[in-house]
Amino acid sequence: MTVINEKTQKIIYRNNWITNHNITENNVEEIVKAGRSRWKVENEGNNVLKNHGYNLEHNFGHGENHLCEFLLPLNLLSFLFHTGLDLVNSTYKKIRNLLVTRTSFFNDIRTL
């Protein structure tokens, strides 16, 4: 996909992807929107895991053999668990409304 500025004829955006979907003028906009929304979900999820209390970017390679393989799934499970709580548990929602960011939430839990 290439987006070109009509006035300057300069390429604004270029990207490639592989798909078995038949792309036509009728469906290209829908496919691009779906791809961008998927990217947004992945990017925001990774951002939360890396920068908002889960410390996923931290090097877990300090163990002898398989520490990182052990801690990564625990990190992902905790993220899944907290996301589920945020969807269905009213007490968790109240606490998260008081402690808006996950980082402050985790810091307060750690302090307690």
C-alpha atoms as a PDB file:
ATOM      1  CA  MET A   1       0.000   0.000   0.000  1.00  0.00           C
ATOM      2  CA  THR A   2       1.314   3.410  -0.928  1.00  0.00           C
ATOM      3  CA  VAL A   3      -0.222   6.738   0.078  1.00  0.00           C
ATOM      4  CA  ILE A   4       0.830   9.662  -2.086  1.00  0.00           C
ATOM      5  CA  ASN A   5       0.281  13.380  -1.435  1.00  0.00           C
ATOM      6  CA  GLU A   6      -1.776  14.520  -4.429  1.00  0.00           C
ATOM      7  CA  LYS A   7      -0.258  18.018  -4.471  1.00  0.00           C
ATOM      8  CA  THR A   8       3.428  17.166  -4.129  1.00  0.00           C
ATOM      9  CA  GLN A   9       3.309  13.587  -5.467  1.00  0.00           C
ATOM     10  CA  LYS A  10       5.564  12.593  -2.553  1.00  0.00           C
ATOM     11  CA  ILE A  11       5.089   9.230  -0.885  1.00  0.00           C
ATOM     12  CA  ILE A  12       3.630   9.801   2.587  1.00  0.00           C
ATOM     13  CA  TYR A  13       3.268   6.193   3.674  1.00  0.00           C
ATOM     14  CA  ARG A  14       4.345   2.835   2.292  1.00  0.00           C
ATOM     15  CA  ASN A  15       3.757  -0.614   3.718  1.00  0.00           C
ATOM     16  CA  ASN A  16       3.629  -4.216   2.513  1.00  0.00           C
ATOM     17  CA  TRP A  17       1.873  -7.244   3.866  1.00  0.00           C
ATOM     18  CA  ILE A  18       1.097 -10.757   2.789  1.00  0.00           C
ATOM     19  CA  THR A  19      -2.479 -11.989   2.624  1.00  0.00           C
ATOM     20  CA  ASN A  20      -4.582 -14.491   0.787  1.00  0.00           C
ATOM     21  CA  HIS A  21      -7.518 -12.062   0.709  1.00  0.00           C
ATOM     22  CA  ASN A  22      -8.431 -10.642  -2.674  1.00  0.00           C
ATOM     23  CA  ILE A  23      -7.829  -6.898  -2.311  1.00  0.00           C
ATOM     24  CA  THR A  24      -9.933  -4.643  -4.501  1.00  0.00           C
ATOM     25  CA  GLU A  25     -10.870  -0.971  -4.565  1.00  0.00           C
ATOM     26  CA  ASN A  26     -14.094  -1.921  -2.775  1.00  0.00           C
ATOM     27  CA  ASN A  27     -12.477  -3.610   0.235  1.00  0.00           C
ATOM     28  CA  VAL A  28      -9.030  -2.002   0.580  1.00  0.00           C
ATOM     29  CA  GLU A  29     -10.190   0.690   3.020  1.00  0.00           C
ATOM     30  CA  GLU A  30     -11.832  -1.875   5.306  1.00  0.00           C
ATOM     31  CA  ILE A  31      -8.733  -4.094   5.251  1.00  0.00           C
ATOM     32  CA  VAL A  32      -6.454  -1.144   6.061  1.00  0.00           C
ATOM     33  CA  LYS A  33      -8.696  -0.071   8.972  1.00  0.00           C
ATOM     34  CA  ALA A  34      -8.690  -3.617  10.354  1.00  0.00           C
ATOM     35  CA  GLY A  35      -4.903  -3.828  10.072  1.00  0.00           C
ATOM     36  CA  ARG A  36      -4.380  -0.498  11.796  1.00  0.00           C
ATOM     37  CA  SER A  37      -6.781  -1.378  14.617  1.00  0.00           C
ATOM     38  CA  ARG A  38      -4.958  -4.679  15.124  1.00  0.00           C
ATOM     39  CA  TRP A  39      -1.643  -2.823  15.235  1.00  0.00           C
ATOM     40  CA  LYS A  40      -3.117  -0.354  17.750  1.00  0.00           C
ATOM     41  CA  VAL A  41      -4.311  -3.152  20.044  1.00  0.00           C
ATOM     42  CA  GLU A  42      -0.941  -4.914  19.903  1.00  0.00           C
ATOM     43  CA  ASN A  43       1.016  -1.689  20.370  1.00  0.00           C
ATOM     44  CA  GLU A  44      -1.050  -0.490  23.329  1.00  0.00           C
ATOM     45  CA  GLY A  45      -0.977  -3.915  24.980  1.00  0.00           C
ATOM     46  CA  ASN A  46       2.797  -4.109  24.637  1.00  0.00           C
ATOM     47  CA  ASN A  47       3.113  -0.550  25.935  1.00  0.00           C
ATOM     48  CA  VAL A  48       1.187  -1.483  29.096  1.00  0.00           C
ATOM     49  CA  LEU A  49       3.311  -4.585  29.618  1.00  0.00           C
ATOM     50  CA  LYS A  50       6.566  -2.686  29.133  1.00  0.00           C
ATOM     51  CA  ASN A  51       5.911   0.687  30.784  1.00  0.00           C
ATOM     52  CA  HIS A  52       3.024   0.458  33.237  1.00  0.00           C
ATOM     53  CA  GLY A  53       3.968  -1.842  36.065  1.00  0.00           C
ATOM     54  CA  TYR A  54       4.601  -5.233  34.469  1.00  0.00           C
ATOM     55  CA  ASN A  55       8.263  -4.445  33.613  1.00  0.00           C
ATOM     56  CA  LEU A  56       8.204  -6.826  30.660  1.00  0.00           C
ATOM     57  CA  GLU A  57      11.246  -5.165  29.137  1.00  0.00           C
ATOM     58  CA  HIS A  58      13.296  -6.031  32.216  1.00  0.00           C
ATOM     59  CA  ASN A  59      15.959  -8.607  31.519  1.00  0.00           C
ATOM     60  CA  PHE A  60      14.859 -11.876  33.103  1.00  0.00           C
ATOM     61  CA  GLY A  61      18.040 -13.564  31.896  1.00  0.00           C
ATOM     62  CA  HIS A  62      19.693 -13.518  35.300  1.00  0.00           C
ATOM     63  CA  GLY A  63      18.654 -17.092  36.054  1.00  0.00           C
ATOM     64  CA  GLU A  64      20.808 -20.111  35.364  1.00  0.00           C
ATOM     65  CA  ASN A  65      18.755 -21.713  32.603  1.00  0.00           C
ATOM     66  CA  HIS A  66      15.077 -20.954  32.062  1.00  0.00           C
ATOM     67  CA  LEU A  67      14.128 -18.052  34.307  1.00  0.00           C
ATOM     68  CA  CYS A  68      12.904 -15.833  31.465  1.00  0.00           C
ATOM     69  CA  GLU A  69      10.715 -18.662  30.077  1.00  0.00           C
ATOM     70  CA  PHE A  70       9.201 -19.022  33.541  1.00  0.00           C
ATOM     71  CA  LEU A  71       8.648 -15.320  34.329  1.00  0.00           C
ATOM     72  CA  LEU A  72       7.248 -14.236  30.944  1.00  0.00           C
ATOM     73  CA  PRO A  73       4.151 -16.480  31.153  1.00  0.00           C
ATOM     74  CA  LEU A  74       3.585 -15.357  34.751  1.00  0.00           C
ATOM     75  CA  ASN A  75       3.722 -11.743  33.595  1.00  0.00           C
ATOM     76  CA  LEU A  76       1.255 -12.411  30.762  1.00  0.00           C
ATOM     77  CA  LEU A  77      -1.067 -14.348  33.083  1.00  0.00           C
ATOM     78  CA  SER A  78      -1.090 -11.494  35.579  1.00  0.00           C
ATOM     79  CA  PHE A  79      -1.910  -9.036  32.785  1.00  0.00           C
ATOM     80  CA  LEU A  80      -4.749 -11.314  31.635  1.00  0.00           C
ATOM     81  CA  PHE A  81      -6.001 -11.718  35.209  1.00  0.00           C
ATOM     82  CA  HIS A  82      -5.960  -7.961  35.859  1.00  0.00           C
ATOM     83  CA  THR A  83      -7.718  -7.276  32.558  1.00  0.00           C
ATOM     84  CA  GLY A  84     -10.401  -9.818  33.460  1.00  0.00           C
ATOM     85  CA  LEU A  85     -10.824  -8.276  36.909  1.00  0.00           C
ATOM     86  CA  ASP A  86     -11.150  -4.854  35.310  1.00  0.00           C
ATOM     87  CA  LEU A  87     -14.010  -6.173  33.180  1.00  0.00           C
ATOM     88  CA  VAL A  88     -16.030  -8.057  35.805  1.00  0.00           C
ATOM     89  CA  ASN A  89     -15.064  -7.145  39.380  1.00  0.00           C
ATOM     90  CA  SER A  90     -16.616  -4.015  40.901  1.00  0.00           C
ATOM     91  CA  THR A  91     -14.199  -3.858  43.858  1.00  0.00           C
ATOM     92  CA  TYR A  92     -11.195  -3.994  41.532  1.00  0.00           C
ATOM     93  CA  LYS A  93     -12.763  -1.254  39.391  1.00  0.00           C
ATOM     94  CA  LYS A  94     -13.222   0.973  42.461  1.00  0.00           C
ATOM     95  CA  ILE A  95      -9.607   0.497  43.503  1.00  0.00           C
ATOM     96  CA  ARG A  96      -8.376   1.189  39.971  1.00  0.00           C
ATOM     97  CA  ASN A  97     -10.508   4.367  39.850  1.00  0.00           C
ATOM     98  CA  LEU A  98      -8.729   5.556  43.000  1.00  0.00           C
ATOM     99  CA  LEU A  99      -5.296   4.460  41.778  1.00  0.00           C
ATOM    100  CA  VAL A 100      -5.672   5.422  38.154  1.00  0.00           C
ATOM    101  CA  THR A 101      -2.406   4.180  36.696  1.00  0.00           C
ATOM    102  CA  ARG A 102      -1.323   0.569  36.915  1.00  0.00           C
ATOM    103  CA  THR A 103       2.069   1.735  38.149  1.00  0.00           C
ATOM    104  CA  SER A 104       0.583   3.510  41.172  1.00  0.00           C
ATOM    105  CA  PHE A 105      -1.671   0.502  41.751  1.00  0.00           C
ATOM    106  CA  PHE A 106       1.314  -1.876  41.777  1.00  0.00           C
ATOM    107  CA  ASN A 107       3.386   0.480  43.951  1.00  0.00           C
ATOM    108  CA  ASP A 108       0.607   0.696  46.537  1.00  0.00           C
ATOM    109  CA  ILE A 109       0.138  -3.093  46.516  1.00  0.00           C
ATOM    110  CA  ARG A 110       3.906  -3.496  46.966  1.00  0.00           C
ATOM    111  CA  THR A 111       3.840  -1.035  49.885  1.00  0.00           C
ATOM    112  CA  LEU A 112       1.007  -2.900  51.606  1.00  0.00           C
END
